Every structure is written in C-alpha cells, then in structure tokens.
C-alpha cells in the first residue's frame, strides 16, 4: 500500500499538465491508499494516454484508474 506525501497531488497535476500540454480540462487527481484516479475531459485518446504516463513517471507501481473522458469538442 502506497503512502502519499502532502505535495504529491500538486506534483502529479504539474506532470500531467506538462505531458499533455494542458489538454486535460477540469483535471482532478484523487489519491486513495494505493490508488490514483484521474478525472477530467479531453478531445483525444492520445492526451488521455499522455496523462496516464504523467502519473506513471512518478508512481510506476501504483494502481491507476484513468477516468478521463474523451469528448468531441
């Protein structure tokens, strides 16, 4: 079970924004014991995948749920 530091959420947000070029709207990162959940909206599956890699860069072993929705707009 992973224990998350107090600044982890802001670091993850920064990495996701850097990786995606800020293409994730309404980004929300939820931290639970041993799990990270990504939420937000984007227009491409590629940006959704890049967001996931932004988390994996910092937390390669954590359980990750990518709940970012891909919309046509």
PDB file of N, CA and C in Angstrom:
ATOM      1  N   UNK A   1       0.845  -1.180   0.000  1.00  0.00           N
ATOM      2  CA  UNK A   1       0.000   0.000   0.000  1.00  0.00           C
ATOM      3  C   UNK A   1       0.888   1.239   0.000  1.00  0.00           C
ATOM      4  N   UNK A   2       0.671   2.133  -0.947  1.00  0.00           N
ATOM      5  CA  UNK A   2       1.474   3.344  -1.043  1.00  0.00           C
ATOM      6  C   UNK A   2       0.970   4.393  -0.052  1.00  0.00           C
ATOM      7  N   UNK A   3       1.919   5.132   0.513  1.00  0.00           N
ATOM      8  CA  UNK A   3       1.593   6.258   1.375  1.00  0.00           C
ATOM      9  C   UNK A   3       1.991   7.508   0.601  1.00  0.00           C
ATOM     10  N   UNK A   4       1.053   8.444   0.451  1.00  0.00           N
ATOM     11  CA  UNK A   4       1.285   9.606  -0.391  1.00  0.00           C
ATOM     12  C   UNK A   4       1.716  10.811   0.430  1.00  0.00           C
ATOM     13  N   UNK A   5       2.687  11.565  -0.074  1.00  0.00           N
ATOM     14  CA  UNK A   5       3.156  12.774   0.594  1.00  0.00           C
ATOM     15  C   UNK A   5       2.139  13.896   0.390  1.00  0.00           C
ATOM     16  N   UNK A   6       2.171  14.915   1.243  1.00  0.00           N
ATOM     17  CA  UNK A   6       1.197  16.011   1.136  1.00  0.00           C
ATOM     18  C   UNK A   6       1.277  16.782  -0.183  1.00  0.00           C
ATOM     19  N   UNK A   7       2.444  16.825  -0.811  1.00  0.00           N
ATOM     20  CA  UNK A   7       2.599  17.612  -2.043  1.00  0.00           C
ATOM     21  C   UNK A   7       2.443  16.777  -3.310  1.00  0.00           C
ATOM     22  N   UNK A   8       2.100  15.529  -3.154  1.00  0.00           N
ATOM     23  CA  UNK A   8       2.042  14.630  -4.305  1.00  0.00           C
ATOM     24  C   UNK A   8       0.990  15.052  -5.327  1.00  0.00           C
ATOM     25  N   UNK A   9      -0.185  15.459  -4.876  1.00  0.00           N
ATOM     26  CA  UNK A   9      -1.251  15.828  -5.817  1.00  0.00           C
ATOM     27  C   UNK A   9      -0.797  16.978  -6.726  1.00  0.00           C
ATOM     28  N   UNK A  10      -0.196  18.000  -6.156  1.00  0.00           N
ATOM     29  CA  UNK A  10       0.235  19.129  -6.987  1.00  0.00           C
ATOM     30  C   UNK A  10       1.359  18.722  -7.937  1.00  0.00           C
ATOM     31  N   UNK A  11       2.249  17.831  -7.504  1.00  0.00           N
ATOM     32  CA  UNK A  11       3.307  17.343  -8.384  1.00  0.00           C
ATOM     33  C   UNK A  11       2.722  16.511  -9.529  1.00  0.00           C
ATOM     34  N   UNK A  12       1.744  15.669  -9.227  1.00  0.00           N
ATOM     35  CA  UNK A  12       1.094  14.872 -10.274  1.00  0.00           C
ATOM     36  C   UNK A  12       0.362  15.780 -11.260  1.00  0.00           C
ATOM     37  N   UNK A  13      -0.350  16.791 -10.753  1.00  0.00           N
ATOM     38  CA  UNK A  13      -1.041  17.733 -11.644  1.00  0.00           C
ATOM     39  C   UNK A  13      -0.050  18.421 -12.575  1.00  0.00           C
ATOM     40  N   UNK A  14       1.078  18.855 -12.028  1.00  0.00           N
ATOM     41  CA  UNK A  14       2.091  19.518 -12.845  1.00  0.00           C
ATOM     42  C   UNK A  14       2.606  18.584 -13.933  1.00  0.00           C
ATOM     43  N   UNK A  15       2.890  17.335 -13.565  1.00  0.00           N
ATOM     44  CA  UNK A  15       3.396  16.373 -14.552  1.00  0.00           C
ATOM     45  C   UNK A  15       2.360  16.071 -15.642  1.00  0.00           C
ATOM     46  N   UNK A  16       1.111  15.924 -15.250  1.00  0.00           N
ATOM     47  CA  UNK A  16       0.061  15.656 -16.247  1.00  0.00           C
ATOM     48  C   UNK A  16      -0.082  16.854 -17.182  1.00  0.00           C
ATOM     49  N   UNK A  17      -0.110  18.072 -16.627  1.00  0.00           N
ATOM     50  CA  UNK A  17      -0.220  19.261 -17.474  1.00  0.00           C
ATOM     51  C   UNK A  17       0.984  19.390 -18.405  1.00  0.00           C
ATOM     52  N   UNK A  18       2.188  19.112 -17.894  1.00  0.00           N
ATOM     53  CA  UNK A  18       3.387  19.180 -18.730  1.00  0.00           C
ATOM     54  C   UNK A  18       3.341  18.145 -19.846  1.00  0.00           C
ATOM     55  N   UNK A  19       2.938  16.925 -19.521  1.00  0.00           N
ATOM     56  CA  UNK A  19       2.898  15.836 -20.508  1.00  0.00           C
ATOM     57  C   UNK A  19       1.841  16.075 -21.585  1.00  0.00           C
ATOM     58  N   UNK A  20       0.716  16.663 -21.205  1.00  0.00           N
ATOM     59  CA  UNK A  20      -0.404  16.803 -22.134  1.00  0.00           C
ATOM     60  C   UNK A  20      -0.482  18.178 -22.787  1.00  0.00           C
ATOM     61  N   UNK A  21       0.402  19.079 -22.416  1.00  0.00           N
ATOM     62  CA  UNK A  21       0.290  20.439 -22.955  1.00  0.00           C
ATOM     63  C   UNK A  21      -0.988  21.105 -22.486  1.00  0.00           C
ATOM     64  N   UNK A  22      -1.429  20.747 -21.286  1.00  0.00           N
ATOM     65  CA  UNK A  22      -2.652  21.293 -20.668  1.00  0.00           C
ATOM     66  C   UNK A  22      -3.912  20.977 -21.492  1.00  0.00           C
ATOM     67  N   UNK A  23      -3.923  19.827 -22.160  1.00  0.00           N
ATOM     68  CA  UNK A  23      -5.086  19.438 -22.965  1.00  0.00           C
ATOM     69  C   UNK A  23      -6.149  18.698 -22.166  1.00  0.00           C
ATOM     70  N   UNK A  24      -5.974  18.578 -20.849  1.00  0.00           N
ATOM     71  CA  UNK A  24      -6.987  17.955 -19.997  1.00  0.00           C
ATOM     72  C   UNK A  24      -7.728  19.067 -19.272  1.00  0.00           C
ATOM     73  N   UNK A  25      -9.009  19.206 -19.569  1.00  0.00           N
ATOM     74  CA  UNK A  25      -9.838  20.219 -18.902  1.00  0.00           C
ATOM     75  C   UNK A  25     -10.376  19.657 -17.593  1.00  0.00           C
ATOM     76  N   UNK A  26     -10.530  20.532 -16.607  1.00  0.00           N
ATOM     77  CA  UNK A  26     -11.106  20.152 -15.303  1.00  0.00           C
ATOM     78  C   UNK A  26     -10.378  18.958 -14.686  1.00  0.00           C
ATOM     79  N   UNK A  27      -9.057  18.970 -14.773  1.00  0.00           N
ATOM     80  CA  UNK A  27      -8.266  17.863 -14.234  1.00  0.00           C
ATOM     81  C   UNK A  27      -8.480  17.736 -12.731  1.00  0.00           C
ATOM     82  N   UNK A  28      -8.745  16.522 -12.297  1.00  0.00           N
ATOM     83  CA  UNK A  28      -8.876  16.198 -10.882  1.00  0.00           C
ATOM     84  C   UNK A  28      -8.092  14.913 -10.640  1.00  0.00           C
ATOM     85  N   UNK A  29      -7.276  14.928  -9.596  1.00  0.00           N
ATOM     86  CA  UNK A  29      -6.498  13.749  -9.236  1.00  0.00           C
ATOM     87  C   UNK A  29      -6.879  13.356  -7.822  1.00  0.00           C
ATOM     88  N   UNK A  30      -7.442  12.168  -7.694  1.00  0.00           N
ATOM     89  CA  UNK A  30      -7.863  11.659  -6.394  1.00  0.00           C
ATOM     90  C   UNK A  30      -6.823  10.658  -5.901  1.00  0.00           C
ATOM     91  N   UNK A  31      -6.406  10.838  -4.651  1.00  0.00           N
ATOM     92  CA  UNK A  31      -5.428   9.939  -4.043  1.00  0.00           C
ATOM     93  C   UNK A  31      -6.109   9.142  -2.950  1.00  0.00           C
ATOM     94  N   UNK A  32      -6.034   7.839  -3.066  1.00  0.00           N
ATOM     95  CA  UNK A  32      -6.544   6.929  -2.043  1.00  0.00           C
ATOM     96  C   UNK A  32      -5.398   5.978  -1.704  1.00  0.00           C
ATOM     97  N   UNK A  33      -5.461   5.290  -0.593  1.00  0.00           N
ATOM     98  CA  UNK A  33      -4.369   4.366  -0.254  1.00  0.00           C
ATOM     99  C   UNK A  33      -4.094   3.370  -1.386  1.00  0.00           C
ATOM    100  N   UNK A  34      -2.916   3.507  -1.998  1.00  0.00           N
ATOM    101  CA  UNK A  34      -2.511   2.585  -3.048  1.00  0.00           C
ATOM    102  C   UNK A  34      -3.144   2.799  -4.398  1.00  0.00           C
ATOM    103  N   UNK A  35      -3.888   3.901  -4.585  1.00  0.00           N
ATOM    104  CA  UNK A  35      -4.618   4.102  -5.837  1.00  0.00           C
ATOM    105  C   UNK A  35      -4.667   5.585  -6.201  1.00  0.00           C
ATOM    106  N   UNK A  36      -4.566   5.860  -7.499  1.00  0.00           N
ATOM    107  CA  UNK A  36      -4.718   7.207  -8.028  1.00  0.00           C
ATOM    108  C   UNK A  36      -5.816   7.165  -9.086  1.00  0.00           C
ATOM    109  N   UNK A  37      -6.733   8.141  -9.039  1.00  0.00           N
ATOM    110  CA  UNK A  37      -7.804   8.235 -10.026  1.00  0.00           C
ATOM    111  C   UNK A  37      -7.669   9.569 -10.750  1.00  0.00           C
ATOM    112  N   UNK A  38      -7.596   9.512 -12.081  1.00  0.00           N
ATOM    113  CA  UNK A  38      -7.569  10.711 -12.919  1.00  0.00           C
ATOM    114  C   UNK A  38      -8.965  10.988 -13.441  1.00  0.00           C
ATOM    115  N   UNK A  39      -9.388  12.247 -13.350  1.00  0.00           N
ATOM    116  CA  UNK A  39     -10.675  12.669 -13.909  1.00  0.00           C
ATOM    117  C   UNK A  39     -10.474  13.959 -14.679  1.00  0.00           C
ATOM    118  N   UNK A  40     -11.301  14.171 -15.669  1.00  0.00           N
ATOM    119  CA  UNK A  40     -11.250  15.379 -16.480  1.00  0.00           C
ATOM    120  C   UNK A  40     -11.818  15.073 -17.855  1.00  0.00           C
ATOM    121  N   UNK A  41     -11.618  16.020 -18.766  1.00  0.00           N
ATOM    122  CA  UNK A  41     -12.095  15.841 -20.138  1.00  0.00           C
ATOM    123  C   UNK A  41     -10.997  16.263 -21.112  1.00  0.00           C
ATOM    124  N   UNK A  42     -10.969  15.580 -22.247  1.00  0.00           N
ATOM    125  CA  UNK A  42     -10.048  15.925 -23.326  1.00  0.00           C
ATOM    126  C   UNK A  42     -10.707  15.560 -24.653  1.00  0.00           C
ATOM    127  N   UNK A  43     -10.084  15.981 -25.744  1.00  0.00           N
ATOM    128  CA  UNK A  43     -10.671  15.701 -27.061  1.00  0.00           C
ATOM    129  C   UNK A  43     -10.007  14.542 -27.777  1.00  0.00           C
ATOM    130  N   UNK A  44      -8.918  13.991 -27.209  1.00  0.00           N
ATOM    131  CA  UNK A  44      -8.237  12.885 -27.884  1.00  0.00           C
ATOM    132  C   UNK A  44      -7.858  11.778 -26.900  1.00  0.00           C
ATOM    133  N   UNK A  45      -7.862  10.563 -27.395  1.00  0.00           N
ATOM    134  CA  UNK A  45      -7.400   9.435 -26.594  1.00  0.00           C
ATOM    135  C   UNK A  45      -5.893   9.539 -26.342  1.00  0.00           C
ATOM    136  N   UNK A  46      -5.186  10.173 -27.253  1.00  0.00           N
ATOM    137  CA  UNK A  46      -3.744  10.361 -27.081  1.00  0.00           C
ATOM    138  C   UNK A  46      -3.455  11.209 -25.837  1.00  0.00           C
ATOM    139  N   UNK A  47      -4.188  12.301 -25.654  1.00  0.00           N
ATOM    140  CA  UNK A  47      -3.999  13.146 -24.471  1.00  0.00           C
ATOM    141  C   UNK A  47      -4.352  12.374 -23.205  1.00  0.00           C
ATOM    142  N   UNK A  48      -5.388  11.543 -23.275  1.00  0.00           N
ATOM    143  CA  UNK A  48      -5.763  10.714 -22.126  1.00  0.00           C
ATOM    144  C   UNK A  48      -4.611   9.776 -21.766  1.00  0.00           C
ATOM    145  N   UNK A  49      -3.990   9.180 -22.765  1.00  0.00           N
ATOM    146  CA  UNK A  49      -2.868   8.274 -22.537  1.00  0.00           C
ATOM    147  C   UNK A  49      -1.650   9.028 -21.993  1.00  0.00           C
ATOM    148  N   UNK A  50      -1.391  10.220 -22.514  1.00  0.00           N
ATOM    149  CA  UNK A  50      -0.276  11.023 -22.013  1.00  0.00           C
ATOM    150  C   UNK A  50      -0.470  11.373 -20.541  1.00  0.00           C
ATOM    151  N   UNK A  51      -1.707  11.668 -20.141  1.00  0.00           N
ATOM    152  CA  UNK A  51      -1.990  11.969 -18.737  1.00  0.00           C
ATOM    153  C   UNK A  51      -1.628  10.777 -17.863  1.00  0.00           C
ATOM    154  N   UNK A  52      -1.978   9.614 -18.318  1.00  0.00           N
ATOM    155  CA  UNK A  52      -1.670   8.388 -17.574  1.00  0.00           C
ATOM    156  C   UNK A  52      -0.159   8.215 -17.431  1.00  0.00           C
ATOM    157  N   UNK A  53       0.582   8.495 -18.489  1.00  0.00           N
ATOM    158  CA  UNK A  53       2.034   8.375 -18.430  1.00  0.00           C
ATOM    159  C   UNK A  53       2.644   9.411 -17.492  1.00  0.00           C
ATOM    160  N   UNK A  54       2.011  10.576 -17.372  1.00  0.00           N
ATOM    161  CA  UNK A  54       2.485  11.572 -16.425  1.00  0.00           C
ATOM    162  C   UNK A  54       2.460  11.059 -14.996  1.00  0.00           C
ATOM    163  N   UNK A  55       1.430  10.304 -14.652  1.00  0.00           N
ATOM    164  CA  UNK A  55       1.352   9.694 -13.316  1.00  0.00           C
ATOM    165  C   UNK A  55       2.356   8.556 -13.211  1.00  0.00           C
ATOM    166  N   UNK A  56       2.446   7.733 -14.237  1.00  0.00           N
ATOM    167  CA  UNK A  56       3.358   6.578 -14.219  1.00  0.00           C
ATOM    168  C   UNK A  56       4.822   7.004 -14.080  1.00  0.00           C
ATOM    169  N   UNK A  57       5.164   8.194 -14.589  1.00  0.00           N
ATOM    170  CA  UNK A  57       6.536   8.690 -14.439  1.00  0.00           C
ATOM    171  C   UNK A  57       6.926   8.771 -12.969  1.00  0.00           C
ATOM    172  N   UNK A  58       5.998   9.204 -12.140  1.00  0.00           N
ATOM    173  CA  UNK A  58       6.274   9.412 -10.723  1.00  0.00           C
ATOM    174  C   UNK A  58       5.920   8.199  -9.868  1.00  0.00           C
ATOM    175  N   UNK A  59       4.845   7.498 -10.242  1.00  0.00           N
ATOM    176  CA  UNK A  59       4.350   6.363  -9.450  1.00  0.00           C
ATOM    177  C   UNK A  59       4.158   5.142 -10.346  1.00  0.00           C
ATOM    178  N   UNK A  60       5.232   4.487 -10.746  1.00  0.00           N
ATOM    179  CA  UNK A  60       5.106   3.388 -11.709  1.00  0.00           C
ATOM    180  C   UNK A  60       4.358   2.163 -11.199  1.00  0.00           C
ATOM    181  N   UNK A  61       4.307   1.949  -9.892  1.00  0.00           N
ATOM    182  CA  UNK A  61       3.712   0.723  -9.357  1.00  0.00           C
ATOM    183  C   UNK A  61       2.314   0.906  -8.775  1.00  0.00           C
ATOM    184  N   UNK A  62       1.825   2.125  -8.694  1.00  0.00           N
ATOM    185  CA  UNK A  62       0.540   2.363  -8.046  1.00  0.00           C
ATOM    186  C   UNK A  62      -0.619   1.933  -8.956  1.00  0.00           C
ATOM    187  N   UNK A  63      -1.711   1.503  -8.359  1.00  0.00           N
ATOM    188  CA  UNK A  63      -2.915   1.206  -9.126  1.00  0.00           C
ATOM    189  C   UNK A  63      -3.453   2.529  -9.660  1.00  0.00           C
ATOM    190  N   UNK A  64      -3.781   2.563 -10.940  1.00  0.00           N
ATOM    191  CA  UNK A  64      -4.205   3.804 -11.592  1.00  0.00           C
ATOM    192  C   UNK A  64      -5.502   3.581 -12.339  1.00  0.00           C
ATOM    193  N   UNK A  65      -6.479   4.438 -12.050  1.00  0.00           N
ATOM    194  CA  UNK A  65      -7.733   4.433 -12.815  1.00  0.00           C
ATOM    195  C   UNK A  65      -7.774   5.706 -13.626  1.00  0.00           C
ATOM    196  N   UNK A  66      -7.828   5.574 -14.935  1.00  0.00           N
ATOM    197  CA  UNK A  66      -7.902   6.724 -15.815  1.00  0.00           C
ATOM    198  C   UNK A  66      -9.349   6.926 -16.233  1.00  0.00           C
ATOM    199  N   UNK A  67     -10.048   7.817 -15.507  1.00  0.00           N
ATOM    200  CA  UNK A  67     -11.448   8.089 -15.771  1.00  0.00           C
ATOM    201  C   UNK A  67     -11.642   9.381 -16.560  1.00  0.00           C
ATOM    202  N   UNK A  68     -10.599   9.813 -17.272  1.00  0.00           N
ATOM    203  CA  UNK A  68     -10.696  10.996 -18.132  1.00  0.00           C
ATOM    204  C   UNK A  68     -11.610  10.650 -19.299  1.00  0.00           C
ATOM    205  N   UNK A  69     -12.570  11.510 -19.573  1.00  0.00           N
ATOM    206  CA  UNK A  69     -13.490  11.258 -20.694  1.00  0.00           C
ATOM    207  C   UNK A  69     -12.994  11.966 -21.953  1.00  0.00           C
ATOM    208  N   UNK A  70     -13.216  11.312 -23.077  1.00  0.00           N
ATOM    209  CA  UNK A  70     -12.845  11.871 -24.366  1.00  0.00           C
ATOM    210  C   UNK A  70     -14.133  12.328 -25.051  1.00  0.00           C
ATOM    211  N   UNK A  71     -14.178  13.631 -25.362  1.00  0.00           N
ATOM    212  CA  UNK A  71     -15.369  14.223 -25.981  1.00  0.00           C
ATOM    213  C   UNK A  71     -15.025  14.747 -27.359  1.00  0.00           C
ATOM    214  N   UNK A  72     -16.022  15.010 -28.136  1.00  0.00           N
ATOM    215  CA  UNK A  72     -15.820  15.501 -29.487  1.00  0.00           C
ATOM    216  C   UNK A  72     -15.485  16.966 -29.569  1.00  0.00           C
ATOM    217  N   UNK A  73     -15.539  17.697 -28.477  1.00  0.00           N
ATOM    218  CA  UNK A  73     -15.294  19.141 -28.506  1.00  0.00           C
ATOM    219  C   UNK A  73     -13.936  19.456 -27.998  1.00  0.00           C
TER     220      UNK A  73
END
